[in-house]
Amino acid sequence: CALAVCDGEFVGIYDVMTGEAYRRRGLARYAVHALLNWGE
């Protein structure tokens, strides 16, 4: 999971977490990617 808050020309990314059983699969990358797209 991850959380984003948009403030004008900036978007802050927070609470990026991956469950212990699911680490090292690139899932956090996808979560952050989705939020960066949303921020844009």
Full PDB file with SEQRES, HELIX, SHEET, SSBOND, CRYST1, ORIGX, SCALE, CONECT and MASTER records, all heavy atoms in Angstrom:
SEQRES   1 A   40  CYS ALA LEU ALA VAL CYS ASP GLY GLU PHE VAL GLY ILE          
SEQRES   2 A   40  TYR ASP VAL MET THR GLY GLU ALA TYR ARG ARG ARG GLY          
SEQRES   3 A   40  LEU ALA ARG TYR ALA VAL HIS ALA LEU LEU ASN TRP GLY          
SEQRES   4 A   40  GLU                                                          
HELIX    1 AA1 GLU A   20  TYR A   22  5                                   3    
HELIX    2 AA2 LEU A   27  GLY A   39  1                                  13    
SHEET    1 AA1 2 LEU A   3  ASP A   7  0                                        
SHEET    2 AA1 2 PHE A  10  TYR A  14 -1                                        
CRYST1    1.000    1.000    1.000  90.00  90.00  90.00 P 1           1          
ORIGX1      1.000000  0.000000  0.000000        0.00000                         
ORIGX2      0.000000  1.000000  0.000000        0.00000                         
ORIGX3      0.000000  0.000000  1.000000        0.00000                         
SCALE1      1.000000  0.000000  0.000000        0.00000                         
SCALE2      0.000000  1.000000  0.000000        0.00000                         
SCALE3      0.000000  0.000000  1.000000        0.00000                         
ATOM      1  N   CYS A   1       0.839  -1.197   0.000  1.00  0.00           N  
ATOM      2  CA  CYS A   1       0.000   0.000   0.000  1.00  0.00           C  
ATOM      3  C   CYS A   1       0.871   1.243   0.000  1.00  0.00           C  
ATOM      4  O   CYS A   1       2.072   1.194   0.278  1.00  0.00           O  
ATOM      5  CB  CYS A   1      -0.943   0.008   1.200  1.00  0.00           C  
ATOM      6  SG  CYS A   1      -0.085   0.144   2.802  1.00  0.00           S  
ATOM      7  N   ALA A   2       0.251   2.358  -0.310  1.00  0.00           N  
ATOM      8  CA  ALA A   2       0.911   3.659  -0.224  1.00  0.00           C  
ATOM      9  C   ALA A   2      -0.167   4.729  -0.219  1.00  0.00           C  
ATOM     10  O   ALA A   2      -1.314   4.478  -0.628  1.00  0.00           O  
ATOM     11  CB  ALA A   2       1.885   3.874  -1.378  1.00  0.00           C  
ATOM     12  N   LEU A   3       0.211   5.922   0.226  1.00  0.00           N  
ATOM     13  CA  LEU A   3      -0.704   7.040   0.371  1.00  0.00           C  
ATOM     14  C   LEU A   3      -0.059   8.271  -0.253  1.00  0.00           C  
ATOM     15  O   LEU A   3       1.164   8.434  -0.202  1.00  0.00           O  
ATOM     16  CB  LEU A   3      -0.972   7.280   1.861  1.00  0.00           C  
ATOM     17  CG  LEU A   3      -1.932   8.388   2.283  1.00  0.00           C  
ATOM     18  CD1 LEU A   3      -3.364   8.033   1.878  1.00  0.00           C  
ATOM     19  CD2 LEU A   3      -1.848   8.600   3.790  1.00  0.00           C  
ATOM     20  N   ALA A   4      -0.877   9.136  -0.864  1.00  0.00           N  
ATOM     21  CA  ALA A   4      -0.363  10.370  -1.458  1.00  0.00           C  
ATOM     22  C   ALA A   4      -1.281  11.531  -1.117  1.00  0.00           C  
ATOM     23  O   ALA A   4      -2.498  11.360  -1.027  1.00  0.00           O  
ATOM     24  CB  ALA A   4      -0.235  10.229  -2.975  1.00  0.00           C  
ATOM     25  N   VAL A   5      -0.693  12.706  -0.942  1.00  0.00           N  
ATOM     26  CA  VAL A   5      -1.449  13.931  -0.690  1.00  0.00           C  
ATOM     27  C   VAL A   5      -0.924  14.991  -1.648  1.00  0.00           C  
ATOM     28  O   VAL A   5       0.291  15.205  -1.741  1.00  0.00           O  
ATOM     29  CB  VAL A   5      -1.295  14.417   0.765  1.00  0.00           C  
ATOM     30  CG1 VAL A   5      -2.199  15.615   1.021  1.00  0.00           C  
ATOM     31  CG2 VAL A   5      -1.617  13.288   1.752  1.00  0.00           C  
ATOM     32  N   CYS A   6      -1.835  15.626  -2.380  1.00  0.00           N  
ATOM     33  CA  CYS A   6      -1.458  16.587  -3.416  1.00  0.00           C  
ATOM     34  C   CYS A   6      -1.584  18.017  -2.878  1.00  0.00           C  
ATOM     35  O   CYS A   6      -2.601  18.388  -2.302  1.00  0.00           O  
ATOM     36  CB  CYS A   6      -2.337  16.399  -4.648  1.00  0.00           C  
ATOM     37  SG  CYS A   6      -1.702  17.233  -6.102  1.00  0.00           S  
ATOM     38  N   ASP A   7      -0.535  18.797  -3.098  1.00  0.00           N  
ATOM     39  CA  ASP A   7      -0.484  20.182  -2.628  1.00  0.00           C  
ATOM     40  C   ASP A   7      -0.001  21.061  -3.781  1.00  0.00           C  
ATOM     41  O   ASP A   7       1.184  21.362  -3.890  1.00  0.00           O  
ATOM     42  CB  ASP A   7       0.465  20.275  -1.428  1.00  0.00           C  
ATOM     43  CG  ASP A   7       0.721  21.710  -0.976  1.00  0.00           C  
ATOM     44  OD1 ASP A   7      -0.239  22.500  -0.955  1.00  0.00           O  
ATOM     45  OD2 ASP A   7       1.893  22.028  -0.667  1.00  0.00           O  
ATOM     46  N   GLY A   8      -0.917  21.444  -4.652  1.00  0.00           N  
ATOM     47  CA  GLY A   8      -0.546  22.290  -5.776  1.00  0.00           C  
ATOM     48  C   GLY A   8       0.419  21.589  -6.703  1.00  0.00           C  
ATOM     49  O   GLY A   8       0.116  20.538  -7.268  1.00  0.00           O  
ATOM     50  N   GLU A   9       1.627  22.165  -6.849  1.00  0.00           N  
ATOM     51  CA  GLU A   9       2.595  21.581  -7.769  1.00  0.00           C  
ATOM     52  C   GLU A   9       3.363  20.413  -7.154  1.00  0.00           C  
ATOM     53  O   GLU A   9       4.221  19.826  -7.811  1.00  0.00           O  
ATOM     54  CB  GLU A   9       3.581  22.651  -8.235  1.00  0.00           C  
ATOM     55  CG  GLU A   9       4.460  23.235  -7.142  1.00  0.00           C  
ATOM     56  CD  GLU A   9       5.461  24.249  -7.667  1.00  0.00           C  
ATOM     57  OE1 GLU A   9       5.754  24.212  -8.883  1.00  0.00           O  
ATOM     58  OE2 GLU A   9       5.943  25.070  -6.875  1.00  0.00           O  
ATOM     59  N   PHE A  10       3.048  20.054  -5.903  1.00  0.00           N  
ATOM     60  CA  PHE A  10       3.743  18.973  -5.218  1.00  0.00           C  
ATOM     61  C   PHE A  10       2.777  17.863  -4.818  1.00  0.00           C  
ATOM     62  O   PHE A  10       1.628  18.124  -4.488  1.00  0.00           O  
ATOM     63  CB  PHE A  10       4.441  19.485  -3.958  1.00  0.00           C  
ATOM     64  CG  PHE A  10       5.535  20.472  -4.220  1.00  0.00           C  
ATOM     65  CD1 PHE A  10       5.315  21.833  -4.068  1.00  0.00           C  
ATOM     66  CD2 PHE A  10       6.784  20.046  -4.629  1.00  0.00           C  
ATOM     67  CE1 PHE A  10       6.313  22.747  -4.317  1.00  0.00           C  
ATOM     68  CE2 PHE A  10       7.795  20.955  -4.871  1.00  0.00           C  
ATOM     69  CZ  PHE A  10       7.563  22.308  -4.724  1.00  0.00           C  
ATOM     70  N   VAL A  11       3.280  16.626  -4.837  1.00  0.00           N  
ATOM     71  CA  VAL A  11       2.537  15.509  -4.264  1.00  0.00           C  
ATOM     72  C   VAL A  11       3.477  14.778  -3.312  1.00  0.00           C  
ATOM     73  O   VAL A  11       4.610  14.436  -3.665  1.00  0.00           O  
ATOM     74  CB  VAL A  11       1.976  14.560  -5.345  1.00  0.00           C  
ATOM     75  CG1 VAL A  11       3.064  13.972  -6.237  1.00  0.00           C  
ATOM     76  CG2 VAL A  11       1.148  13.446  -4.698  1.00  0.00           C  
ATOM     77  N   GLY A  12       3.033  14.603  -2.070  1.00  0.00           N  
ATOM     78  CA  GLY A  12       3.827  13.902  -1.068  1.00  0.00           C  
ATOM     79  C   GLY A  12       3.399  12.446  -0.978  1.00  0.00           C  
ATOM     80  O   GLY A  12       2.209  12.141  -0.983  1.00  0.00           O  
ATOM     81  N   ILE A  13       4.359  11.544  -0.900  1.00  0.00           N  
ATOM     82  CA  ILE A  13       4.108  10.102  -0.809  1.00  0.00           C  
ATOM     83  C   ILE A  13       4.385   9.646   0.619  1.00  0.00           C  
ATOM     84  O   ILE A  13       5.452   9.945   1.179  1.00  0.00           O  
ATOM     85  CB  ILE A  13       5.000   9.320  -1.789  1.00  0.00           C  
ATOM     86  CG1 ILE A  13       4.854   9.859  -3.218  1.00  0.00           C  
ATOM     87  CG2 ILE A  13       4.669   7.829  -1.727  1.00  0.00           C  
ATOM     88  CD1 ILE A  13       3.472   9.708  -3.806  1.00  0.00           C  
ATOM     89  N   TYR A  14       3.447   8.903   1.196  1.00  0.00           N  
ATOM     90  CA  TYR A  14       3.562   8.475   2.589  1.00  0.00           C  
ATOM     91  C   TYR A  14       3.137   7.010   2.744  1.00  0.00           C  
ATOM     92  O   TYR A  14       2.474   6.440   1.874  1.00  0.00           O  
ATOM     93  CB  TYR A  14       2.673   9.337   3.487  1.00  0.00           C  
ATOM     94  CG  TYR A  14       3.036  10.798   3.499  1.00  0.00           C  
ATOM     95  CD1 TYR A  14       2.344  11.728   2.720  1.00  0.00           C  
ATOM     96  CD2 TYR A  14       4.080  11.264   4.303  1.00  0.00           C  
ATOM     97  CE1 TYR A  14       2.685  13.075   2.731  1.00  0.00           C  
ATOM     98  CE2 TYR A  14       4.426  12.606   4.325  1.00  0.00           C  
ATOM     99  CZ  TYR A  14       3.719  13.506   3.535  1.00  0.00           C  
ATOM    100  OH  TYR A  14       4.064  14.833   3.554  1.00  0.00           O  
ATOM    101  N   ASP A  15       3.496   6.435   3.878  1.00  0.00           N  
ATOM    102  CA  ASP A  15       3.021   5.111   4.306  1.00  0.00           C  
ATOM    103  C   ASP A  15       3.161   4.049   3.214  1.00  0.00           C  
ATOM    104  O   ASP A  15       2.224   3.307   2.916  1.00  0.00           O  
ATOM    105  CB  ASP A  15       1.555   5.206   4.755  1.00  0.00           C  
ATOM    106  CG  ASP A  15       1.404   5.905   6.094  1.00  0.00           C  
ATOM    107  OD1 ASP A  15       2.377   5.887   6.876  1.00  0.00           O  
ATOM    108  OD2 ASP A  15       0.338   6.474   6.358  1.00  0.00           O  
ATOM    109  N   VAL A  16       4.351   3.958   2.637  1.00  0.00           N  
ATOM    110  CA  VAL A  16       4.642   2.897   1.669  1.00  0.00           C  
ATOM    111  C   VAL A  16       4.994   1.642   2.453  1.00  0.00           C  
ATOM    112  O   VAL A  16       5.979   1.613   3.195  1.00  0.00           O  
ATOM    113  CB  VAL A  16       5.796   3.292   0.736  1.00  0.00           C  
ATOM    114  CG1 VAL A  16       6.073   2.177  -0.276  1.00  0.00           C  
ATOM    115  CG2 VAL A  16       5.478   4.604   0.023  1.00  0.00           C  
ATOM    116  N   MET A  17       4.174   0.612   2.325  1.00  0.00           N  
ATOM    117  CA  MET A  17       4.381  -0.616   3.103  1.00  0.00           C  
ATOM    118  C   MET A  17       4.130  -1.843   2.234  1.00  0.00           C  
ATOM    119  O   MET A  17       3.268  -1.815   1.345  1.00  0.00           O  
ATOM    120  CB  MET A  17       3.438  -0.664   4.306  1.00  0.00           C  
ATOM    121  CG  MET A  17       3.660   0.440   5.323  1.00  0.00           C  
ATOM    122  SD  MET A  17       2.603   0.262   6.793  1.00  0.00           S  
ATOM    123  CE  MET A  17       0.991   0.674   6.100  1.00  0.00           C  
ATOM    124  N   THR A  18       4.874  -2.897   2.508  1.00  0.00           N  
ATOM    125  CA  THR A  18       4.666  -4.192   1.867  1.00  0.00           C  
ATOM    126  C   THR A  18       4.584  -5.256   2.945  1.00  0.00           C  
ATOM    127  O   THR A  18       5.415  -5.272   3.865  1.00  0.00           O  
ATOM    128  CB  THR A  18       5.814  -4.543   0.904  1.00  0.00           C  
ATOM    129  OG1 THR A  18       5.955  -3.506  -0.069  1.00  0.00           O  
ATOM    130  CG2 THR A  18       5.539  -5.857   0.184  1.00  0.00           C  
ATOM    131  N   GLY A  19       3.583  -6.124   2.853  1.00  0.00           N  
ATOM    132  CA  GLY A  19       3.456  -7.210   3.812  1.00  0.00           C  
ATOM    133  C   GLY A  19       4.683  -8.101   3.796  1.00  0.00           C  
ATOM    134  O   GLY A  19       5.302  -8.324   2.746  1.00  0.00           O  
ATOM    135  N   GLU A  20       5.039  -8.634   4.957  1.00  0.00           N  
ATOM    136  CA  GLU A  20       6.277  -9.401   5.084  1.00  0.00           C  
ATOM    137  C   GLU A  20       6.349 -10.561   4.101  1.00  0.00           C  
ATOM    138  O   GLU A  20       7.411 -10.869   3.551  1.00  0.00           O  
ATOM    139  CB  GLU A  20       6.407  -9.918   6.522  1.00  0.00           C  
ATOM    140  CG  GLU A  20       7.732 -10.586   6.815  1.00  0.00           C  
ATOM    141  CD  GLU A  20       7.895 -10.926   8.282  1.00  0.00           C  
ATOM    142  OE1 GLU A  20       7.021 -10.538   9.087  1.00  0.00           O  
ATOM    143  OE2 GLU A  20       8.902 -11.578   8.630  1.00  0.00           O  
ATOM    144  N   ALA A  21       5.221 -11.203   3.844  1.00  0.00           N  
ATOM    145  CA  ALA A  21       5.217 -12.373   2.954  1.00  0.00           C  
ATOM    146  C   ALA A  21       5.306 -11.997   1.478  1.00  0.00           C  
ATOM    147  O   ALA A  21       5.469 -12.883   0.624  1.00  0.00           O  
ATOM    148  CB  ALA A  21       3.952 -13.202   3.188  1.00  0.00           C  
ATOM    149  N   TYR A  22       5.217 -10.712   1.161  1.00  0.00           N  
ATOM    150  CA  TYR A  22       5.150 -10.292  -0.243  1.00  0.00           C  
ATOM    151  C   TYR A  22       6.310  -9.394  -0.659  1.00  0.00           C  
ATOM    152  O   TYR A  22       6.267  -8.785  -1.732  1.00  0.00           O  
ATOM    153  CB  TYR A  22       3.835  -9.539  -0.488  1.00  0.00           C  
ATOM    154  CG  TYR A  22       2.607 -10.363  -0.178  1.00  0.00           C  
ATOM    155  CD1 TYR A  22       1.914 -10.172   1.027  1.00  0.00           C  
ATOM    156  CD2 TYR A  22       2.154 -11.340  -1.058  1.00  0.00           C  
ATOM    157  CE1 TYR A  22       0.784 -10.925   1.322  1.00  0.00           C  
ATOM    158  CE2 TYR A  22       1.039 -12.092  -0.767  1.00  0.00           C  
ATOM    159  CZ  TYR A  22       0.357 -11.886   0.422  1.00  0.00           C  
ATOM    160  OH  TYR A  22      -0.749 -12.637   0.714  1.00  0.00           O  
ATOM    161  N   ARG A  23       7.347  -9.326   0.148  1.00  0.00           N  
ATOM    162  CA  ARG A  23       8.453  -8.430  -0.156  1.00  0.00           C  
ATOM    163  C   ARG A  23       9.346  -8.976  -1.268  1.00  0.00           C  
ATOM    164  O   ARG A  23       9.293 -10.145  -1.598  1.00  0.00           O  
ATOM    165  CB  ARG A  23       9.260  -8.151   1.118  1.00  0.00           C  
ATOM    166  CG  ARG A  23       8.453  -7.338   2.125  1.00  0.00           C  
ATOM    167  CD  ARG A  23       9.126  -7.167   3.464  1.00  0.00           C  
ATOM    168  NE  ARG A  23       8.231  -6.456   4.370  1.00  0.00           N  
ATOM    169  CZ  ARG A  23       8.429  -6.345   5.675  1.00  0.00           C  
ATOM    170  NH1 ARG A  23       9.493  -6.887   6.231  1.00  0.00           N  
ATOM    171  NH2 ARG A  23       7.552  -5.690   6.431  1.00  0.00           N  
ATOM    172  N   ARG A  24      10.121  -8.057  -1.856  1.00  0.00           N  
ATOM    173  CA  ARG A  24      11.055  -8.371  -2.937  1.00  0.00           C  
ATOM    174  C   ARG A  24      10.344  -8.843  -4.211  1.00  0.00           C  
ATOM    175  O   ARG A  24      10.873  -9.640  -4.968  1.00  0.00           O  
ATOM    176  CB  ARG A  24      12.085  -9.412  -2.485  1.00  0.00           C  
ATOM    177  CG  ARG A  24      12.909  -8.971  -1.281  1.00  0.00           C  
ATOM    178  CD  ARG A  24      13.999  -9.962  -0.941  1.00  0.00           C  
ATOM    179  NE  ARG A  24      14.716  -9.572   0.250  1.00  0.00           N  
ATOM    180  CZ  ARG A  24      15.711  -8.674   0.275  1.00  0.00           C  
ATOM    181  NH1 ARG A  24      16.079  -8.090  -0.853  1.00  0.00           N  
ATOM    182  NH2 ARG A  24      16.313  -8.365   1.410  1.00  0.00           N  
ATOM    183  N   ARG A  25       9.129  -8.344  -4.430  1.00  0.00           N  
ATOM    184  CA  ARG A  25       8.402  -8.647  -5.669  1.00  0.00           C  
ATOM    185  C   ARG A  25       8.117  -7.384  -6.482  1.00  0.00           C  
ATOM    186  O   ARG A  25       7.453  -7.455  -7.510  1.00  0.00           O  
ATOM    187  CB  ARG A  25       7.071  -9.346  -5.362  1.00  0.00           C  
ATOM    188  CG  ARG A  25       7.188 -10.640  -4.585  1.00  0.00           C  
ATOM    189  CD  ARG A  25       5.862 -11.358  -4.574  1.00  0.00           C  
ATOM    190  NE  ARG A  25       5.801 -12.431  -3.596  1.00  0.00           N  
ATOM    191  CZ  ARG A  25       4.762 -13.252  -3.443  1.00  0.00           C  
ATOM    192  NH1 ARG A  25       3.683 -13.086  -4.206  1.00  0.00           N  
ATOM    193  NH2 ARG A  25       4.772 -14.206  -2.535  1.00  0.00           N  
ATOM    194  N   GLY A  26       8.563  -6.241  -6.014  1.00  0.00           N  
ATOM    195  CA  GLY A  26       8.331  -5.002  -6.731  1.00  0.00           C  
ATOM    196  C   GLY A  26       6.951  -4.413  -6.539  1.00  0.00           C  
ATOM    197  O   GLY A  26       6.547  -3.509  -7.277  1.00  0.00           O  
ATOM    198  N   LEU A  27       6.210  -4.895  -5.527  1.00  0.00           N  
ATOM    199  CA  LEU A  27       4.833  -4.431  -5.348  1.00  0.00           C  
ATOM    200  C   LEU A  27       4.781  -2.991  -4.859  1.00  0.00           C  
ATOM    201  O   LEU A  27       3.899  -2.222  -5.266  1.00  0.00           O  
ATOM    202  CB  LEU A  27       4.100  -5.351  -4.373  1.00  0.00           C  
ATOM    203  CG  LEU A  27       4.002  -6.827  -4.790  1.00  0.00           C  
ATOM    204  CD1 LEU A  27       3.273  -7.630  -3.723  1.00  0.00           C  
ATOM    205  CD2 LEU A  27       3.312  -6.970  -6.137  1.00  0.00           C  
ATOM    206  N   ALA A  28       5.711  -2.590  -3.985  1.00  0.00           N  
ATOM    207  CA  ALA A  28       5.736  -1.202  -3.516  1.00  0.00           C  
ATOM    208  C   ALA A  28       6.008  -0.254  -4.677  1.00  0.00           C  
ATOM    209  O   ALA A  28       5.482   0.859  -4.726  1.00  0.00           O  
ATOM    210  CB  ALA A  28       6.793  -1.034  -2.430  1.00  0.00           C  
ATOM    211  N   ARG A  29       6.809  -0.695  -5.623  1.00  0.00           N  
ATOM    212  CA  ARG A  29       7.094   0.130  -6.810  1.00  0.00           C  
ATOM    213  C   ARG A  29       5.808   0.428  -7.562  1.00  0.00           C  
ATOM    214  O   ARG A  29       5.578   1.563  -7.997  1.00  0.00           O  
ATOM    215  CB  ARG A  29       8.089  -0.605  -7.712  1.00  0.00           C  
ATOM    216  CG  ARG A  29       8.406   0.134  -9.015  1.00  0.00           C  
ATOM    217  CD  ARG A  29       9.266  -0.732  -9.929  1.00  0.00           C  
ATOM    218  NE  ARG A  29       9.519  -0.079 -11.196  1.00  0.00           N  
ATOM    219  CZ  ARG A  29      10.639   0.553 -11.510  1.00  0.00           C  
ATOM    220  NH1 ARG A  29      11.614   0.644 -10.626  1.00  0.00           N  
ATOM    221  NH2 ARG A  29      10.787   1.113 -12.696  1.00  0.00           N  
ATOM    222  N   TYR A  30       4.956  -0.582  -7.725  1.00  0.00           N  
ATOM    223  CA  TYR A  30       3.698  -0.374  -8.433  1.00  0.00           C  
ATOM    224  C   TYR A  30       2.779   0.568  -7.653  1.00  0.00           C  
ATOM    225  O   TYR A  30       2.085   1.395  -8.242  1.00  0.00           O  
ATOM    226  CB  TYR A  30       3.004  -1.708  -8.689  1.00  0.00           C  
ATOM    227  CG  TYR A  30       3.622  -2.497  -9.815  1.00  0.00           C  
ATOM    228  CD1 TYR A  30       4.315  -3.672  -9.571  1.00  0.00           C  
ATOM    229  CD2 TYR A  30       3.507  -2.065 -11.130  1.00  0.00           C  
ATOM    230  CE1 TYR A  30       4.888  -4.397 -10.599  1.00  0.00           C  
ATOM    231  CE2 TYR A  30       4.069  -2.775 -12.167  1.00  0.00           C  
ATOM    232  CZ  TYR A  30       4.760  -3.947 -11.907  1.00  0.00           C  
ATOM    233  OH  TYR A  30       5.336  -4.645 -12.928  1.00  0.00           O  
ATOM    234  N   ALA A  31       2.768   0.414  -6.336  1.00  0.00           N  
ATOM    235  CA  ALA A  31       1.914   1.286  -5.525  1.00  0.00           C  
ATOM    236  C   ALA A  31       2.339   2.742  -5.669  1.00  0.00           C  
ATOM    237  O   ALA A  31       1.507   3.635  -5.885  1.00  0.00           O  
ATOM    238  CB  ALA A  31       1.972   0.848  -4.058  1.00  0.00           C  
ATOM    239  N   VAL A  32       3.643   2.999  -5.552  1.00  0.00           N  
ATOM    240  CA  VAL A  32       4.144   4.366  -5.681  1.00  0.00           C  
ATOM    241  C   VAL A  32       3.902   4.878  -7.103  1.00  0.00           C  
ATOM    242  O   VAL A  32       3.510   6.028  -7.310  1.00  0.00           O  
ATOM    243  CB  VAL A  32       5.642   4.438  -5.316  1.00  0.00           C  
ATOM    244  CG1 VAL A  32       6.202   5.825  -5.600  1.00  0.00           C  
ATOM    245  CG2 VAL A  32       5.839   4.078  -3.851  1.00  0.00           C  
ATOM    246  N   HIS A  33       4.120   4.024  -8.093  1.00  0.00           N  
ATOM    247  CA  HIS A  33       3.911   4.420  -9.485  1.00  0.00           C  
ATOM    248  C   HIS A  33       2.482   4.894  -9.717  1.00  0.00           C  
ATOM    249  O   HIS A  33       2.248   5.932 -10.361  1.00  0.00           O  
ATOM    250  CB  HIS A  33       4.221   3.238 -10.409  1.00  0.00           C  
ATOM    251  CG  HIS A  33       3.908   3.491 -11.852  1.00  0.00           C  
ATOM    252  ND1 HIS A  33       4.704   4.267 -12.666  1.00  0.00           N  
ATOM    253  CD2 HIS A  33       2.879   3.073 -12.622  1.00  0.00           C  
ATOM    254  CE1 HIS A  33       4.175   4.319 -13.876  1.00  0.00           C  
ATOM    255  NE2 HIS A  33       3.072   3.601 -13.875  1.00  0.00           N  
ATOM    256  N   ALA A  34       1.510   4.158  -9.197  1.00  0.00           N  
ATOM    257  CA  ALA A  34       0.111   4.540  -9.383  1.00  0.00           C  
ATOM    258  C   ALA A  34      -0.157   5.913  -8.783  1.00  0.00           C  
ATOM    259  O   ALA A  34      -0.879   6.731  -9.366  1.00  0.00           O  
ATOM    260  CB  ALA A  34      -0.803   3.488  -8.757  1.00  0.00           C  
ATOM    261  N   LEU A  35       0.439   6.188  -7.617  1.00  0.00           N  
ATOM    262  CA  LEU A  35       0.195   7.463  -6.953  1.00  0.00           C  
ATOM    263  C   LEU A  35       0.928   8.612  -7.650  1.00  0.00           C  
ATOM    264  O   LEU A  35       0.437   9.747  -7.663  1.00  0.00           O  
ATOM    265  CB  LEU A  35       0.604   7.373  -5.488  1.00  0.00           C  
ATOM    266  CG  LEU A  35      -0.277   6.432  -4.652  1.00  0.00           C  
ATOM    267  CD1 LEU A  35       0.271   6.317  -3.232  1.00  0.00           C  
ATOM    268  CD2 LEU A  35      -1.715   6.898  -4.628  1.00  0.00           C  
ATOM    269  N   LEU A  36       2.095   8.336  -8.222  1.00  0.00           N  
ATOM    270  CA  LEU A  36       2.783   9.369  -8.994  1.00  0.00           C  
ATOM    271  C   LEU A  36       1.963   9.751 -10.218  1.00  0.00           C  
ATOM    272  O   LEU A  36       1.857  10.936 -10.572  1.00  0.00           O  
ATOM    273  CB  LEU A  36       4.175   8.881  -9.404  1.00  0.00           C  
ATOM    274  CG  LEU A  36       5.175   8.652  -8.276  1.00  0.00           C  
ATOM    275  CD1 LEU A  36       6.484   8.117  -8.829  1.00  0.00           C  
ATOM    276  CD2 LEU A  36       5.417   9.929  -7.482  1.00  0.00           C  
ATOM    277  N   ASN A  37       1.370   8.768 -10.847  1.00  0.00           N  
ATOM    278  CA  ASN A  37       0.494   9.053 -11.986  1.00  0.00           C  
ATOM    279  C   ASN A  37      -0.711   9.883 -11.555  1.00  0.00           C  
ATOM    280  O   ASN A  37      -1.120  10.826 -12.237  1.00  0.00           O  
ATOM    281  CB  ASN A  37       0.016   7.744 -12.624  1.00  0.00           C  
ATOM    282  CG  ASN A  37       1.037   7.175 -13.587  1.00  0.00           C  
ATOM    283  OD1 ASN A  37       1.825   7.896 -14.186  1.00  0.00           O  
ATOM    284  ND2 ASN A  37       1.048   5.860 -13.714  1.00  0.00           N  
ATOM    285  N   TRP A  38      -1.293   9.513 -10.416  1.00  0.00           N  
ATOM    286  CA  TRP A  38      -2.434  10.273  -9.895  1.00  0.00           C  
ATOM    287  C   TRP A  38      -2.027  11.720  -9.611  1.00  0.00           C  
ATOM    288  O   TRP A  38      -2.745  12.661  -9.956  1.00  0.00           O  
ATOM    289  CB  TRP A  38      -2.959   9.615  -8.620  1.00  0.00           C  
ATOM    290  CG  TRP A  38      -3.990  10.441  -7.909  1.00  0.00           C  
ATOM    291  CD1 TRP A  38      -5.311  10.570  -8.215  1.00  0.00           C  
ATOM    292  CD2 TRP A  38      -3.766  11.282  -6.760  1.00  0.00           C  
ATOM    293  NE1 TRP A  38      -5.933  11.426  -7.331  1.00  0.00           N  
ATOM    294  CE2 TRP A  38      -5.015  11.875  -6.433  1.00  0.00           C  
ATOM    295  CE3 TRP A  38      -2.654  11.572  -5.980  1.00  0.00           C  
ATOM    296  CZ2 TRP A  38      -5.150  12.750  -5.353  1.00  0.00           C  
ATOM    297  CZ3 TRP A  38      -2.786  12.442  -4.910  1.00  0.00           C  
ATOM    298  CH2 TRP A  38      -4.037  13.020  -4.610  1.00  0.00           C  
ATOM    299  N   GLY A  39      -0.851  11.899  -8.976  1.00  0.00           N  
ATOM    300  CA  GLY A  39      -0.385  13.239  -8.683  1.00  0.00           C  
ATOM    301  C   GLY A  39      -0.217  14.072  -9.942  1.00  0.00           C  
ATOM    302  O   GLY A  39      -0.585  15.254  -9.971  1.00  0.00           O  
ATOM    303  N   GLU A  40       0.313  13.466 -10.979  1.00  0.00           N  
ATOM    304  CA  GLU A  40       0.476  14.195 -12.241  1.00  0.00           C  
ATOM    305  C   GLU A  40      -0.878  14.567 -12.833  1.00  0.00           C  
ATOM    306  O   GLU A  40      -1.063  15.668 -13.353  1.00  0.00           O  
ATOM    307  CB  GLU A  40       1.278  13.353 -13.233  1.00  0.00           C  
ATOM    308  CG  GLU A  40       1.650  14.114 -14.493  1.00  0.00           C  
ATOM    309  CD  GLU A  40       2.556  13.318 -15.408  1.00  0.00           C  
ATOM    310  OE1 GLU A  40       2.408  12.078 -15.449  1.00  0.00           O  
ATOM    311  OE2 GLU A  40       3.392  13.928 -16.083  1.00  0.00           O  
TER     312      GLU A  40                                                      
MASTER        0    0    0    2    2    0    0    6  311    1    0    4          
END                                                                             
